[in-house]
Amino acid sequence: MEMQELESSVVSGAGYSRVLEIEFNSGRVYQYFDVDESVYQDFLTSESKGKYFNANIRGKFPYREIWLKPPIAES
């Protein structure tokens, strides 16, 4: 799934292909099921990704954590 990079203090990216996939700044990636594409579009255009997520996605759809991205080593 192609992820769109987002500017947010909570979310670093999101993608949609019948499933909403969100990568959080913590490195955790979750998939949310049964999400309408309009929810994804509204999420992308929301002023606050964290507020939109908490009000419209969190706790409203079945989900699973798919992986924890390891942190990038600094040189």
N, C-alpha and C. Protein backbone atom coordinates (compact mmCIF):
# COMPACT_ATOMS: atom_id res chain seq x y z
N MET A 1 0.85 -1.18 0.00
CA MET A 1 0.00 0.00 0.00
C MET A 1 0.90 1.24 0.00
N GLU A 2 0.56 2.18 -0.84
CA GLU A 2 1.32 3.43 -0.89
C GLU A 2 0.89 4.32 0.26
N MET A 3 1.87 4.77 1.02
CA MET A 3 1.60 5.62 2.17
C MET A 3 1.85 7.07 1.80
N GLN A 4 0.96 7.93 2.26
CA GLN A 4 1.12 9.36 2.07
C GLN A 4 1.74 9.93 3.34
N GLU A 5 2.85 10.64 3.19
CA GLU A 5 3.51 11.25 4.34
C GLU A 5 2.66 12.40 4.84
N LEU A 6 2.51 12.49 6.16
CA LEU A 6 1.68 13.52 6.76
C LEU A 6 2.48 14.33 7.77
N GLU A 7 2.14 15.61 7.87
CA GLU A 7 2.75 16.46 8.89
C GLU A 7 1.80 16.49 10.08
N SER A 8 2.24 15.87 11.17
CA SER A 8 1.41 15.77 12.35
C SER A 8 2.30 15.43 13.54
N SER A 9 1.88 15.84 14.71
CA SER A 9 2.65 15.49 15.91
C SER A 9 2.35 14.06 16.36
N VAL A 10 1.35 13.42 15.74
CA VAL A 10 0.93 12.07 16.14
C VAL A 10 1.12 11.04 15.02
N VAL A 11 0.81 11.43 13.79
CA VAL A 11 0.77 10.50 12.66
C VAL A 11 1.84 10.88 11.64
N SER A 12 2.59 9.88 11.16
CA SER A 12 3.62 10.18 10.16
C SER A 12 3.17 9.82 8.74
N GLY A 13 2.17 8.94 8.60
CA GLY A 13 1.72 8.58 7.27
C GLY A 13 0.42 7.79 7.31
N ALA A 14 -0.24 7.74 6.14
CA ALA A 14 -1.49 6.98 6.02
C ALA A 14 -1.66 6.55 4.57
N GLY A 15 -2.37 5.44 4.40
CA GLY A 15 -2.68 4.95 3.07
C GLY A 15 -4.03 4.24 3.11
N TYR A 16 -4.62 4.08 1.94
CA TYR A 16 -5.93 3.43 1.87
C TYR A 16 -6.02 2.59 0.62
N SER A 17 -6.39 1.34 0.81
CA SER A 17 -6.67 0.42 -0.29
C SER A 17 -7.64 -0.61 0.26
N ARG A 18 -8.89 -0.20 0.41
CA ARG A 18 -9.96 -0.97 1.06
C ARG A 18 -9.73 -1.11 2.56
N VAL A 19 -8.53 -0.87 3.02
CA VAL A 19 -8.16 -0.89 4.44
C VAL A 19 -7.41 0.40 4.71
N LEU A 20 -7.70 1.04 5.83
CA LEU A 20 -6.98 2.24 6.23
C LEU A 20 -5.75 1.83 7.02
N GLU A 21 -4.59 2.28 6.59
CA GLU A 21 -3.35 1.97 7.29
C GLU A 21 -2.76 3.28 7.79
N ILE A 22 -2.44 3.32 9.08
CA ILE A 22 -1.90 4.53 9.69
C ILE A 22 -0.59 4.19 10.39
N GLU A 23 0.43 5.00 10.08
CA GLU A 23 1.70 4.88 10.78
C GLU A 23 1.82 6.06 11.74
N PHE A 24 2.04 5.72 13.00
CA PHE A 24 2.17 6.74 14.03
C PHE A 24 3.64 7.12 14.20
N ASN A 25 3.87 8.29 14.75
CA ASN A 25 5.24 8.76 14.94
C ASN A 25 6.05 7.83 15.85
N SER A 26 5.38 7.02 16.63
CA SER A 26 6.04 6.04 17.49
C SER A 26 6.67 4.90 16.69
N GLY A 27 6.28 4.80 15.39
CA GLY A 27 6.74 3.70 14.55
C GLY A 27 5.73 2.57 14.44
N ARG A 28 4.69 2.61 15.23
CA ARG A 28 3.66 1.57 15.16
C ARG A 28 2.76 1.80 13.96
N VAL A 29 2.40 0.69 13.29
CA VAL A 29 1.55 0.75 12.11
C VAL A 29 0.32 -0.10 12.37
N TYR A 30 -0.85 0.48 12.13
CA TYR A 30 -2.12 -0.21 12.35
C TYR A 30 -2.94 -0.22 11.08
N GLN A 31 -3.73 -1.27 10.91
CA GLN A 31 -4.70 -1.36 9.83
C GLN A 31 -6.09 -1.31 10.46
N TYR A 32 -6.96 -0.48 9.86
CA TYR A 32 -8.34 -0.33 10.31
C TYR A 32 -9.25 -0.83 9.19
N PHE A 33 -10.20 -1.69 9.57
CA PHE A 33 -11.05 -2.37 8.60
C PHE A 33 -12.45 -1.76 8.56
N ASP A 34 -13.13 -1.95 7.43
CA ASP A 34 -14.50 -1.46 7.23
C ASP A 34 -14.59 0.06 7.28
N VAL A 35 -13.50 0.73 6.91
CA VAL A 35 -13.45 2.19 6.91
C VAL A 35 -13.81 2.68 5.51
N ASP A 36 -14.76 3.57 5.44
CA ASP A 36 -15.16 4.15 4.16
C ASP A 36 -14.05 5.07 3.64
N GLU A 37 -13.87 5.10 2.34
CA GLU A 37 -12.82 5.95 1.77
C GLU A 37 -13.02 7.43 2.13
N SER A 38 -14.27 7.83 2.34
CA SER A 38 -14.53 9.23 2.71
C SER A 38 -13.91 9.56 4.07
N VAL A 39 -13.85 8.59 4.97
CA VAL A 39 -13.19 8.80 6.27
C VAL A 39 -11.70 9.05 6.06
N TYR A 40 -11.09 8.27 5.17
CA TYR A 40 -9.68 8.46 4.85
C TYR A 40 -9.45 9.85 4.26
N GLN A 41 -10.28 10.26 3.31
CA GLN A 41 -10.12 11.58 2.68
C GLN A 41 -10.30 12.70 3.71
N ASP A 42 -11.29 12.56 4.59
CA ASP A 42 -11.50 13.56 5.63
C ASP A 42 -10.32 13.61 6.59
N PHE A 43 -9.75 12.44 6.89
CA PHE A 43 -8.58 12.36 7.76
C PHE A 43 -7.41 13.13 7.13
N LEU A 44 -7.17 12.90 5.83
CA LEU A 44 -6.06 13.56 5.15
C LEU A 44 -6.20 15.08 5.15
N THR A 45 -7.42 15.57 5.04
CA THR A 45 -7.64 17.01 4.94
C THR A 45 -7.92 17.68 6.28
N SER A 46 -7.99 16.89 7.35
CA SER A 46 -8.28 17.47 8.66
C SER A 46 -7.11 18.34 9.13
N GLU A 47 -7.45 19.38 9.86
CA GLU A 47 -6.42 20.28 10.38
C GLU A 47 -5.57 19.59 11.44
N SER A 48 -6.20 18.77 12.27
CA SER A 48 -5.49 18.02 13.31
C SER A 48 -5.72 16.53 13.10
N LYS A 49 -4.70 15.84 12.67
CA LYS A 49 -4.81 14.39 12.43
C LYS A 49 -5.11 13.64 13.73
N GLY A 50 -4.47 14.03 14.81
CA GLY A 50 -4.69 13.37 16.10
C GLY A 50 -6.12 13.53 16.60
N LYS A 51 -6.65 14.75 16.51
CA LYS A 51 -8.04 14.99 16.94
C LYS A 51 -9.03 14.23 16.06
N TYR A 52 -8.79 14.25 14.74
CA TYR A 52 -9.69 13.53 13.84
C TYR A 52 -9.64 12.03 14.13
N PHE A 53 -8.43 11.50 14.30
CA PHE A 53 -8.27 10.08 14.60
C PHE A 53 -9.03 9.72 15.87
N ASN A 54 -8.84 10.47 16.93
CA ASN A 54 -9.50 10.17 18.21
C ASN A 54 -11.02 10.28 18.13
N ALA A 55 -11.52 11.22 17.36
CA ALA A 55 -12.97 11.43 17.28
C ALA A 55 -13.67 10.51 16.27
N ASN A 56 -12.96 10.09 15.21
CA ASN A 56 -13.65 9.42 14.11
C ASN A 56 -13.13 8.03 13.74
N ILE A 57 -11.99 7.64 14.27
CA ILE A 57 -11.43 6.34 13.89
C ILE A 57 -11.18 5.45 15.10
N ARG A 58 -10.49 5.95 16.09
CA ARG A 58 -10.14 5.17 17.28
C ARG A 58 -11.40 4.62 17.95
N GLY A 59 -11.41 3.30 18.15
CA GLY A 59 -12.54 2.66 18.83
C GLY A 59 -13.78 2.48 17.99
N LYS A 60 -13.74 2.90 16.72
CA LYS A 60 -14.93 2.82 15.87
C LYS A 60 -14.84 1.73 14.80
N PHE A 61 -13.64 1.19 14.59
CA PHE A 61 -13.43 0.18 13.55
C PHE A 61 -12.56 -0.95 14.09
N PRO A 62 -12.78 -2.17 13.59
CA PRO A 62 -11.87 -3.26 13.96
C PRO A 62 -10.48 -2.93 13.41
N TYR A 63 -9.45 -3.33 14.15
CA TYR A 63 -8.09 -3.01 13.72
C TYR A 63 -7.12 -4.08 14.17
N ARG A 64 -5.90 -3.98 13.62
CA ARG A 64 -4.81 -4.82 14.09
C ARG A 64 -3.50 -4.05 13.92
N GLU A 65 -2.59 -4.29 14.83
CA GLU A 65 -1.26 -3.72 14.69
C GLU A 65 -0.49 -4.64 13.76
N ILE A 66 0.13 -4.09 12.73
CA ILE A 66 0.83 -4.96 11.79
C ILE A 66 2.33 -4.97 12.00
N TRP A 67 2.90 -3.90 12.55
CA TRP A 67 4.32 -3.94 12.86
C TRP A 67 4.76 -2.68 13.58
N LEU A 68 5.91 -2.81 14.18
CA LEU A 68 6.56 -1.69 14.84
C LEU A 68 7.83 -1.44 14.06
N LYS A 69 7.88 -0.29 13.38
CA LYS A 69 9.02 0.06 12.57
C LYS A 69 10.21 0.38 13.51
N PRO A 70 11.36 -0.26 13.27
CA PRO A 70 12.51 0.04 14.13
C PRO A 70 12.97 1.49 13.91
N PRO A 71 13.47 2.13 14.96
CA PRO A 71 13.92 3.51 14.80
C PRO A 71 15.13 3.59 13.89
N ILE A 72 15.26 4.70 13.19
CA ILE A 72 16.39 4.92 12.30
C ILE A 72 17.60 5.30 13.14
N ALA A 73 18.68 4.58 12.94
CA ALA A 73 19.90 4.85 13.69
C ALA A 73 20.52 6.17 13.21
N GLU A 74 20.91 6.99 14.15
CA GLU A 74 21.55 8.25 13.79
C GLU A 74 23.04 8.03 13.67
N SER A 75 23.66 8.71 12.69
CA SER A 75 25.10 8.52 12.51
C SER A 75 25.90 9.58 13.20
